PDB file of N, CA and C in Angstrom:
ATOM      1  N   MET A   1       0.922  -1.115  -0.020  1.00  0.00           N
ATOM      2  CA  MET A   1      -0.011   0.061   0.124  1.00  0.00           C
ATOM      3  C   MET A   1       0.928   1.330  -0.046  1.00  0.00           C
ATOM      4  N   CYS A   2       0.732   2.199  -0.471  1.00  0.00           N
ATOM      5  CA  CYS A   2       1.560   3.347  -0.950  1.00  0.00           C
ATOM      6  C   CYS A   2       1.165   4.356   0.152  1.00  0.00           C
ATOM      7  N   GLU A   3       2.037   5.273   0.438  1.00  0.00           N
ATOM      8  CA  GLU A   3       1.936   6.100   1.721  1.00  0.00           C
ATOM      9  C   GLU A   3       0.489   7.040   1.432  1.00  0.00           C
ATOM     10  N   ARG A   4       0.360   7.695   0.377  1.00  0.00           N
ATOM     11  CA  ARG A   4      -1.134   8.315  -0.223  1.00  0.00           C
ATOM     12  C   ARG A   4      -1.997   7.500   0.368  1.00  0.00           C
ATOM     13  N   ALA A   5      -2.067   6.368  -0.084  1.00  0.00           N
ATOM     14  CA  ALA A   5      -3.455   5.563   0.449  1.00  0.00           C
ATOM     15  C   ALA A   5      -3.587   5.332   1.989  1.00  0.00           C
ATOM     16  N   LYS A   6      -2.232   5.496   2.701  1.00  0.00           N
ATOM     17  CA  LYS A   6      -2.358   4.911   4.289  1.00  0.00           C
ATOM     18  C   LYS A   6      -2.982   6.251   4.585  1.00  0.00           C
ATOM     19  N   CYS A   7      -3.115   7.389   4.198  1.00  0.00           N
ATOM     20  CA  CYS A   7      -3.679   8.606   4.722  1.00  0.00           C
ATOM     21  C   CYS A   7      -5.072   8.398   4.782  1.00  0.00           C
ATOM     22  N   PHE A   8      -5.738   7.801   3.881  1.00  0.00           N
ATOM     23  CA  PHE A   8      -7.036   7.652   3.684  1.00  0.00           C
ATOM     24  C   PHE A   8      -7.639   6.388   4.513  1.00  0.00           C
ATOM     25  N   PHE A   9      -6.864   5.463   4.487  1.00  0.00           N
ATOM     26  CA  PHE A   9      -7.261   4.108   5.263  1.00  0.00           C
ATOM     27  C   PHE A   9      -6.782   4.074   6.699  1.00  0.00           C
ATOM     28  N   THR A  10      -6.001   5.068   7.062  1.00  0.00           N
ATOM     29  CA  THR A  10      -5.449   4.611   8.631  1.00  0.00           C
ATOM     30  C   THR A  10      -6.098   5.076   9.570  1.00  0.00           C
ATOM     31  N   PRO A  11      -6.931   4.642  10.717  1.00  0.00           N
ATOM     32  CA  PRO A  11      -7.834   5.485  11.307  1.00  0.00           C
ATOM     33  C   PRO A  11      -7.104   6.276  12.246  1.00  0.00           C
ATOM     34  N   ALA A  12      -7.783   7.376  12.791  1.00  0.00           N
ATOM     35  CA  ALA A  12      -7.182   8.297  13.472  1.00  0.00           C
ATOM     36  C   ALA A  12      -6.959   7.726  15.161  1.00  0.00           C
ATOM     37  N   ARG A  13      -5.718   7.872  15.852  1.00  0.00           N
ATOM     38  CA  ARG A  13      -5.776   7.277  17.144  1.00  0.00           C
ATOM     39  C   ARG A  13      -6.602   7.925  17.866  1.00  0.00           C
ATOM     40  N   ALA A  14      -7.114   7.080  18.778  1.00  0.00           N
ATOM     41  CA  ALA A  14      -8.148   7.653  19.818  1.00  0.00           C
ATOM     42  C   ALA A  14      -7.242   8.328  21.008  1.00  0.00           C
ATOM     43  N   TYR A  15      -7.885   9.362  21.866  1.00  0.00           N
ATOM     44  CA  TYR A  15      -7.002  10.163  22.810  1.00  0.00           C
ATOM     45  C   TYR A  15      -6.316   9.438  23.779  1.00  0.00           C
ATOM     46  N   ALA A  16      -6.880   8.237  23.886  1.00  0.00           N
ATOM     47  CA  ALA A  16      -5.966   7.599  25.003  1.00  0.00           C
ATOM     48  C   ALA A  16      -4.521   6.902  24.411  1.00  0.00           C
ATOM     49  N   ASN A  17      -4.980   6.799  23.110  1.00  0.00           N
ATOM     50  CA  ASN A  17      -3.565   5.959  22.638  1.00  0.00           C
ATOM     51  C   ASN A  17      -2.355   7.067  21.997  1.00  0.00           C
ATOM     52  N   GLN A  18      -2.813   8.123  22.388  1.00  0.00           N
ATOM     53  CA  GLN A  18      -1.785   9.290  21.709  1.00  0.00           C
ATOM     54  C   GLN A  18      -0.903   9.493  22.808  1.00  0.00           C
ATOM     55  N   SER A  19       0.352  10.076  22.303  1.00  0.00           N
ATOM     56  CA  SER A  19       1.301  10.401  23.092  1.00  0.00           C
ATOM     57  C   SER A  19       1.167  11.379  24.162  1.00  0.00           C
ATOM     58  N   GLU A  20       1.793  11.586  25.049  1.00  0.00           N
ATOM     59  CA  GLU A  20       1.733  12.582  25.913  1.00  0.00           C
ATOM     60  C   GLU A  20       1.977  14.165  25.102  1.00  0.00           C
ATOM     61  N   ALA A  21       2.748  14.375  24.522  1.00  0.00           N
ATOM     62  CA  ALA A  21       3.022  15.350  23.860  1.00  0.00           C
ATOM     63  C   ALA A  21       1.832  15.890  22.952  1.00  0.00           C
ATOM     64  N   ARG A  22       1.397  15.046  22.349  1.00  0.00           N
ATOM     65  CA  ARG A  22       0.240  15.024  21.592  1.00  0.00           C
ATOM     66  C   ARG A  22      -1.064  15.360  22.231  1.00  0.00           C
ATOM     67  N   ARG A  23      -1.323  15.050  23.232  1.00  0.00           N
ATOM     68  CA  ARG A  23      -2.577  15.349  24.324  1.00  0.00           C
ATOM     69  C   ARG A  23      -2.089  16.794  24.701  1.00  0.00           C
ATOM     70  N   GLU A  24      -1.034  17.175  25.269  1.00  0.00           N
ATOM     71  CA  GLU A  24      -1.180  18.563  25.744  1.00  0.00           C
ATOM     72  C   GLU A  24      -0.889  19.351  24.770  1.00  0.00           C
ATOM     73  N   ALA A  25      -0.680  19.267  23.379  1.00  0.00           N
ATOM     74  CA  ALA A  25      -0.923  19.888  22.315  1.00  0.00           C
ATOM     75  C   ALA A  25      -2.466  20.231  21.899  1.00  0.00           C
ATOM     76  N   GLN A  26      -3.112  19.032  22.062  1.00  0.00           N
ATOM     77  CA  GLN A  26      -4.512  18.853  21.702  1.00  0.00           C
ATOM     78  C   GLN A  26      -5.284  20.001  22.941  1.00  0.00           C
ATOM     79  N   GLU A  27      -4.866  19.622  23.945  1.00  0.00           N
ATOM     80  CA  GLU A  27      -5.505  20.537  25.272  1.00  0.00           C
ATOM     81  C   GLU A  27      -5.231  21.885  25.029  1.00  0.00           C
ATOM     82  N   ALA A  28      -3.899  22.372  24.657  1.00  0.00           N
ATOM     83  CA  ALA A  28      -3.797  23.568  24.717  1.00  0.00           C
ATOM     84  C   ALA A  28      -4.468  24.429  23.852  1.00  0.00           C
ATOM     85  N   GLU A  29      -5.019  23.808  22.442  1.00  0.00           N
ATOM     86  CA  GLU A  29      -5.641  24.381  21.342  1.00  0.00           C
ATOM     87  C   GLU A  29      -7.078  24.386  21.529  1.00  0.00           C
ATOM     88  N   ALA A  30      -7.578  23.579  22.803  1.00  0.00           N
ATOM     89  CA  ALA A  30      -9.114  23.534  22.999  1.00  0.00           C
ATOM     90  C   ALA A  30      -9.702  24.848  23.332  1.00  0.00           C
ATOM     91  N   PRO A  31     -10.717  24.983  22.603  1.00  0.00           N
ATOM     92  CA  PRO A  31     -11.714  26.461  22.992  1.00  0.00           C
ATOM     93  C   PRO A  31     -12.036  26.512  24.424  1.00  0.00           C
ATOM     94  N   THR A  32     -12.345  27.522  24.984  1.00  0.00           N
ATOM     95  CA  THR A  32     -12.571  27.911  25.958  1.00  0.00           C
ATOM     96  C   THR A  32     -13.708  28.549  26.278  1.00  0.00           C
ATOM     97  N   GLU A  33     -14.577  28.830  25.396  1.00  0.00           N
ATOM     98  CA  GLU A  33     -15.473  29.655  25.227  1.00  0.00           C
ATOM     99  C   GLU A  33     -16.269  29.464  23.756  1.00  0.00           C
ATOM    100  N   PRO A  34     -17.633  29.706  23.771  1.00  0.00           N
ATOM    101  CA  PRO A  34     -18.296  29.894  22.221  1.00  0.00           C
ATOM    102  C   PRO A  34     -17.702  30.795  21.131  1.00  0.00           C
ATOM    103  N   LEU A  35     -17.296  30.403  20.369  1.00  0.00           N
ATOM    104  CA  LEU A  35     -17.078  31.166  19.072  1.00  0.00           C
ATOM    105  C   LEU A  35     -15.319  31.161  19.185  1.00  0.00           C
ATOM    106  N   ASP A  36     -15.036  30.437  20.014  1.00  0.00           N
ATOM    107  CA  ASP A  36     -13.372  30.712  20.429  1.00  0.00           C
ATOM    108  C   ASP A  36     -12.571  29.805  19.154  1.00  0.00           C
ATOM    109  N   LEU A  37     -13.212  29.022  18.893  1.00  0.00           N
ATOM    110  CA  LEU A  37     -12.744  28.304  17.480  1.00  0.00           C
ATOM    111  C   LEU A  37     -13.763  27.896  16.568  1.00  0.00           C
ATOM    112  N   VAL A  38     -13.993  28.273  15.408  1.00  0.00           N
ATOM    113  CA  VAL A  38     -15.040  28.000  14.499  1.00  0.00           C
ATOM    114  C   VAL A  38     -14.387  27.188  12.904  1.00  0.00           C
ATOM    115  N   VAL A  39     -14.905  26.260  12.636  1.00  0.00           N
ATOM    116  CA  VAL A  39     -14.261  25.394  11.691  1.00  0.00           C
ATOM    117  C   VAL A  39     -15.158  26.047  10.377  1.00  0.00           C
ATOM    118  N   LEU A  40     -14.798  26.011   9.236  1.00  0.00           N
ATOM    119  CA  LEU A  40     -15.507  26.473   7.956  1.00  0.00           C
ATOM    120  C   LEU A  40     -15.012  25.237   6.914  1.00  0.00           C
ATOM    121  N   ASP A  41     -16.091  25.218   6.375  1.00  0.00           N
ATOM    122  CA  ASP A  41     -16.069  24.112   5.267  1.00  0.00           C
ATOM    123  C   ASP A  41     -16.984  24.780   4.008  1.00  0.00           C
ATOM    124  N   ILE A  42     -16.012  24.400   2.765  1.00  0.00           N
ATOM    125  CA  ILE A  42     -16.710  24.970   1.823  1.00  0.00           C
ATOM    126  C   ILE A  42     -16.944  23.748   0.715  1.00  0.00           C
ATOM    127  N   LYS A  43     -18.355  23.611   0.136  1.00  0.00           N
ATOM    128  CA  LYS A  43     -18.478  22.518  -0.407  1.00  0.00           C
ATOM    129  C   LYS A  43     -19.077  22.952  -1.845  1.00  0.00           C
ATOM    130  N   ILE A  44     -18.691  22.231  -2.785  1.00  0.00           N
ATOM    131  CA  ILE A  44     -18.869  22.482  -4.208  1.00  0.00           C
ATOM    132  C   ILE A  44     -20.268  21.266  -4.403  1.00  0.00           C
ATOM    133  N   VAL A  45     -21.518  21.683  -4.303  1.00  0.00           N
ATOM    134  CA  VAL A  45     -22.500  20.487  -4.224  1.00  0.00           C
ATOM    135  C   VAL A  45     -22.966  20.238  -5.926  1.00  0.00           C
ATOM    136  N   THR A  46     -22.719  21.389  -6.973  1.00  0.00           N
ATOM    137  CA  THR A  46     -22.830  21.127  -8.534  1.00  0.00           C
ATOM    138  C   THR A  46     -22.057  21.865  -8.642  1.00  0.00           C
ATOM    139  N   LYS A  47     -21.135  21.388  -9.853  1.00  0.00           N
ATOM    140  CA  LYS A  47     -20.054  22.168 -10.396  1.00  0.00           C
ATOM    141  C   LYS A  47     -20.935  22.895 -11.618  1.00  0.00           C
ATOM    142  N   GLY A  48     -20.325  24.274 -11.847  1.00  0.00           N
ATOM    143  CA  GLY A  48     -21.155  24.815 -12.926  1.00  0.00           C
ATOM    144  C   GLY A  48     -20.384  24.694 -14.496  1.00  0.00           C
ATOM    145  N   GLY A  49     -21.229  24.928 -15.435  1.00  0.00           N
ATOM    146  CA  GLY A  49     -20.702  24.658 -16.816  1.00  0.00           C
ATOM    147  C   GLY A  49     -21.135  25.762 -17.586  1.00  0.00           C
ATOM    148  N   LYS A  50     -21.467  25.498 -18.872  1.00  0.00           N
ATOM    149  CA  LYS A  50     -21.872  26.454 -19.973  1.00  0.00           C
ATOM    150  C   LYS A  50     -23.031  26.833 -19.686  1.00  0.00           C
ATOM    151  N   SER A  51     -24.363  25.772 -19.243  1.00  0.00           N
ATOM    152  CA  SER A  51     -25.581  25.928 -18.927  1.00  0.00           C
ATOM    153  C   SER A  51     -25.940  26.003 -17.379  1.00  0.00           C
ATOM    154  N   ARG A  52     -25.352  25.403 -16.769  1.00  0.00           N
ATOM    155  CA  ARG A  52     -25.678  25.429 -15.342  1.00  0.00           C
ATOM    156  C   ARG A  52     -24.958  26.306 -14.298  1.00  0.00           C
ATOM    157  N   ASP A  53     -25.755  26.699 -13.316  1.00  0.00           N
ATOM    158  CA  ASP A  53     -25.224  27.618 -12.337  1.00  0.00           C
ATOM    159  C   ASP A  53     -24.376  26.461 -11.219  1.00  0.00           C
ATOM    160  N   GLN A  54     -23.533  27.034 -10.640  1.00  0.00           N
ATOM    161  CA  GLN A  54     -22.426  26.404  -9.725  1.00  0.00           C
ATOM    162  C   GLN A  54     -23.376  26.450  -8.384  1.00  0.00           C
ATOM    163  N   GLU A  55     -23.575  25.640  -7.811  1.00  0.00           N
ATOM    164  CA  GLU A  55     -24.060  25.501  -6.435  1.00  0.00           C
ATOM    165  C   GLU A  55     -22.913  25.368  -4.843  1.00  0.00           C
ATOM    166  N   VAL A  56     -22.822  26.023  -4.343  1.00  0.00           N
ATOM    167  CA  VAL A  56     -21.741  26.108  -3.004  1.00  0.00           C
ATOM    168  C   VAL A  56     -22.374  26.264  -2.048  1.00  0.00           C
ATOM    169  N   SER A  57     -22.058  25.268  -0.983  1.00  0.00           N
ATOM    170  CA  SER A  57     -22.344  25.605   0.247  1.00  0.00           C
ATOM    171  C   SER A  57     -21.305  25.910   1.325  1.00  0.00           C
ATOM    172  N   LEU A  58     -21.638  26.608   2.407  1.00  0.00           N
ATOM    173  CA  LEU A  58     -20.610  27.020   3.363  1.00  0.00           C
ATOM    174  C   LEU A  58     -21.134  26.164   4.847  1.00  0.00           C
ATOM    175  N   ASN A  59     -20.564  25.322   5.313  1.00  0.00           N
ATOM    176  CA  ASN A  59     -20.865  24.675   6.647  1.00  0.00           C
ATOM    177  C   ASN A  59     -20.014  25.432   7.721  1.00  0.00           C
ATOM    178  N   VAL A  60     -20.535  25.830   9.042  1.00  0.00           N
ATOM    179  CA  VAL A  60     -19.566  26.558   9.978  1.00  0.00           C
ATOM    180  C   VAL A  60     -19.940  25.675  10.960  1.00  0.00           C
ATOM    181  N   LEU A  61     -18.974  25.569  11.867  1.00  0.00           N
ATOM    182  CA  LEU A  61     -19.192  24.819  13.131  1.00  0.00           C
ATOM    183  C   LEU A  61     -18.413  25.179  14.313  1.00  0.00           C
ATOM    184  N   ASP A  62     -19.082  25.679  15.279  1.00  0.00           N
ATOM    185  CA  ASP A  62     -18.373  25.928  16.598  1.00  0.00           C
ATOM    186  C   ASP A  62     -18.162  24.717  17.308  1.00  0.00           C
ATOM    187  N   VAL A  63     -16.634  24.666  17.676  1.00  0.00           N
ATOM    188  CA  VAL A  63     -16.204  23.238  18.268  1.00  0.00           C
ATOM    189  C   VAL A  63     -16.569  23.320  19.662  1.00  0.00           C
ATOM    190  N   PHE A  64     -16.558  24.238  20.489  1.00  0.00           N
ATOM    191  CA  PHE A  64     -16.935  24.425  21.712  1.00  0.00           C
ATOM    192  C   PHE A  64     -18.312  23.870  22.132  1.00  0.00           C
ATOM    193  N   THR A  65     -19.394  24.634  21.216  1.00  0.00           N
ATOM    194  CA  THR A  65     -20.767  24.275  21.759  1.00  0.00           C
ATOM    195  C   THR A  65     -21.149  23.084  20.668  1.00  0.00           C
ATOM    196  N   GLY A  66     -20.655  22.806  19.639  1.00  0.00           N
ATOM    197  CA  GLY A  66     -21.071  22.099  18.539  1.00  0.00           C
ATOM    198  C   GLY A  66     -22.187  22.183  17.731  1.00  0.00           C
ATOM    199  N   ALA A  67     -22.502  23.758  17.683  1.00  0.00           N
ATOM    200  CA  ALA A  67     -23.351  24.148  16.887  1.00  0.00           C
ATOM    201  C   ALA A  67     -22.949  24.325  15.819  1.00  0.00           C
ATOM    202  N   THR A  68     -23.943  24.082  14.718  1.00  0.00           N
ATOM    203  CA  THR A  68     -23.412  24.005  13.129  1.00  0.00           C
ATOM    204  C   THR A  68     -24.642  24.328  12.486  1.00  0.00           C
ATOM    205  N   LEU A  69     -24.317  25.184  11.321  1.00  0.00           N
ATOM    206  CA  LEU A  69     -25.095  25.528  10.432  1.00  0.00           C
ATOM    207  C   LEU A  69     -24.951  25.373   8.920  1.00  0.00           C
ATOM    208  N   SER A  70     -25.353  25.140   7.781  1.00  0.00           N
ATOM    209  CA  SER A  70     -25.248  25.157   6.763  1.00  0.00           C
ATOM    210  C   SER A  70     -25.692  26.253   5.829  1.00  0.00           C
ATOM    211  N   TYR A  71     -24.801  27.039   5.162  1.00  0.00           N
ATOM    212  CA  TYR A  71     -25.474  27.912   4.219  1.00  0.00           C
ATOM    213  C   TYR A  71     -25.022  27.910   2.773  1.00  0.00           C
ATOM    214  N   THR A  72     -26.228  28.129   1.756  1.00  0.00           N
ATOM    215  CA  THR A  72     -26.174  27.996   0.619  1.00  0.00           C
ATOM    216  C   THR A  72     -25.686  29.618   0.039  1.00  0.00           C
ATOM    217  N   LEU A  73     -24.473  29.352  -0.708  1.00  0.00           N
ATOM    218  CA  LEU A  73     -23.960  30.608  -1.251  1.00  0.00           C
ATOM    219  C   LEU A  73     -24.266  31.116  -2.528  1.00  0.00           C
ATOM    220  N   PRO A  74     -25.013  32.401  -2.697  1.00  0.00           N
ATOM    221  CA  PRO A  74     -25.222  32.490  -3.760  1.00  0.00           C
ATOM    222  C   PRO A  74     -23.872  32.991  -5.214  1.00  0.00           C
ATOM    223  N   ARG A  75     -22.917  33.341  -4.427  1.00  0.00           N
ATOM    224  CA  ARG A  75     -21.663  33.672  -4.704  1.00  0.00           C
ATOM    225  C   ARG A  75     -20.586  33.140  -4.277  1.00  0.00           C
ATOM    226  N   HIS A  76     -19.463  32.814  -4.541  1.00  0.00           N
ATOM    227  CA  HIS A  76     -18.051  32.207  -3.899  1.00  0.00           C
ATOM    228  C   HIS A  76     -17.166  33.336  -3.728  1.00  0.00           C
ATOM    229  N   ASP A  77     -17.813  33.881  -2.642  1.00  0.00           N
ATOM    230  CA  ASP A  77     -16.574  35.443  -2.479  1.00  0.00           C
ATOM    231  C   ASP A  77     -16.709  35.941  -0.934  1.00  0.00           C
ATOM    232  N   SER A  78     -15.687  36.478  -0.768  1.00  0.00           N
ATOM    233  CA  SER A  78     -15.762  37.118   0.609  1.00  0.00           C
ATOM    234  C   SER A  78     -16.717  37.869   1.284  1.00  0.00           C
ATOM    235  N   THR A  79     -17.629  38.695   0.572  1.00  0.00           N
ATOM    236  CA  THR A  79     -18.774  39.345   0.999  1.00  0.00           C
ATOM    237  C   THR A  79     -20.012  38.294   1.329  1.00  0.00           C
ATOM    238  N   SER A  80     -20.056  37.160   0.747  1.00  0.00           N
ATOM    239  CA  SER A  80     -21.204  35.988   1.134  1.00  0.00           C
ATOM    240  C   SER A  80     -20.705  35.489   2.417  1.00  0.00           C
ATOM    241  N   ILE A  81     -19.453  34.900   2.404  1.00  0.00           N
ATOM    242  CA  ILE A  81     -18.924  34.590   3.548  1.00  0.00           C
ATOM    243  C   ILE A  81     -19.053  34.983   4.633  1.00  0.00           C
ATOM    244  N   ARG A  82     -18.590  36.372   4.620  1.00  0.00           N
ATOM    245  CA  ARG A  82     -18.566  37.427   5.780  1.00  0.00           C
ATOM    246  C   ARG A  82     -20.101  37.338   6.378  1.00  0.00           C
ATOM    247  N   ARG A  83     -21.223  37.638   5.432  1.00  0.00           N
ATOM    248  CA  ARG A  83     -22.384  37.781   5.864  1.00  0.00           C
ATOM    249  C   ARG A  83     -22.798  36.703   6.749  1.00  0.00           C
ATOM    250  N   CYS A  84     -22.422  35.459   6.202  1.00  0.00           N
ATOM    251  CA  CYS A  84     -22.715  34.138   6.740  1.00  0.00           C
ATOM    252  C   CYS A  84     -22.241  34.106   8.254  1.00  0.00           C
ATOM    253  N   LEU A  85     -20.995  34.413   8.328  1.00  0.00           N
ATOM    254  CA  LEU A  85     -20.236  34.120   9.542  1.00  0.00           C
ATOM    255  C   LEU A  85     -20.804  35.259  10.651  1.00  0.00           C
ATOM    256  N   VAL A  86     -21.259  36.628  10.130  1.00  0.00           N
ATOM    257  CA  VAL A  86     -21.709  37.477  11.064  1.00  0.00           C
ATOM    258  C   VAL A  86     -23.091  36.764  11.446  1.00  0.00           C
ATOM    259  N   HIS A  87     -24.224  36.136  10.665  1.00  0.00           N
ATOM    260  CA  HIS A  87     -25.385  35.486  10.817  1.00  0.00           C
ATOM    261  C   HIS A  87     -25.210  34.652  12.038  1.00  0.00           C
ATOM    262  N   PHE A  88     -24.185  33.575  11.686  1.00  0.00           N
ATOM    263  CA  PHE A  88     -23.507  32.680  12.766  1.00  0.00           C
ATOM    264  C   PHE A  88     -23.016  32.891  13.930  1.00  0.00           C
ATOM    265  N   ALA A  89     -22.474  34.113  14.073  1.00  0.00           N
ATOM    266  CA  ALA A  89     -22.095  34.659  14.986  1.00  0.00           C
ATOM    267  C   ALA A  89     -23.122  35.510  16.110  1.00  0.00           C
ATOM    268  N   GLY A  90     -24.323  35.997  15.113  1.00  0.00           N
ATOM    269  CA  GLY A  90     -25.511  36.566  16.170  1.00  0.00           C
ATOM    270  C   GLY A  90     -25.188  38.035  16.016  1.00  0.00           C
TER     271      GLY A  90
END
């Protein structure tokens, strides 16, 4: 099996099986309040072509609370993303 394939098929180690250094690094980066760490994921649902419009969704996750929302982006630009983030943050 090649090294690239191992990245896709090797399961992540459980917290209990990690080394002390990795555990400490994970705990240091852990969020301590809502909106302290927000994860964004942009997914292209349908690729645009000559006759089709491109459909893009923005998924936002607050790691501390676990709150998540998905937004449909009319355009894949910074203004649309900023508007969604302002809505998510309240």
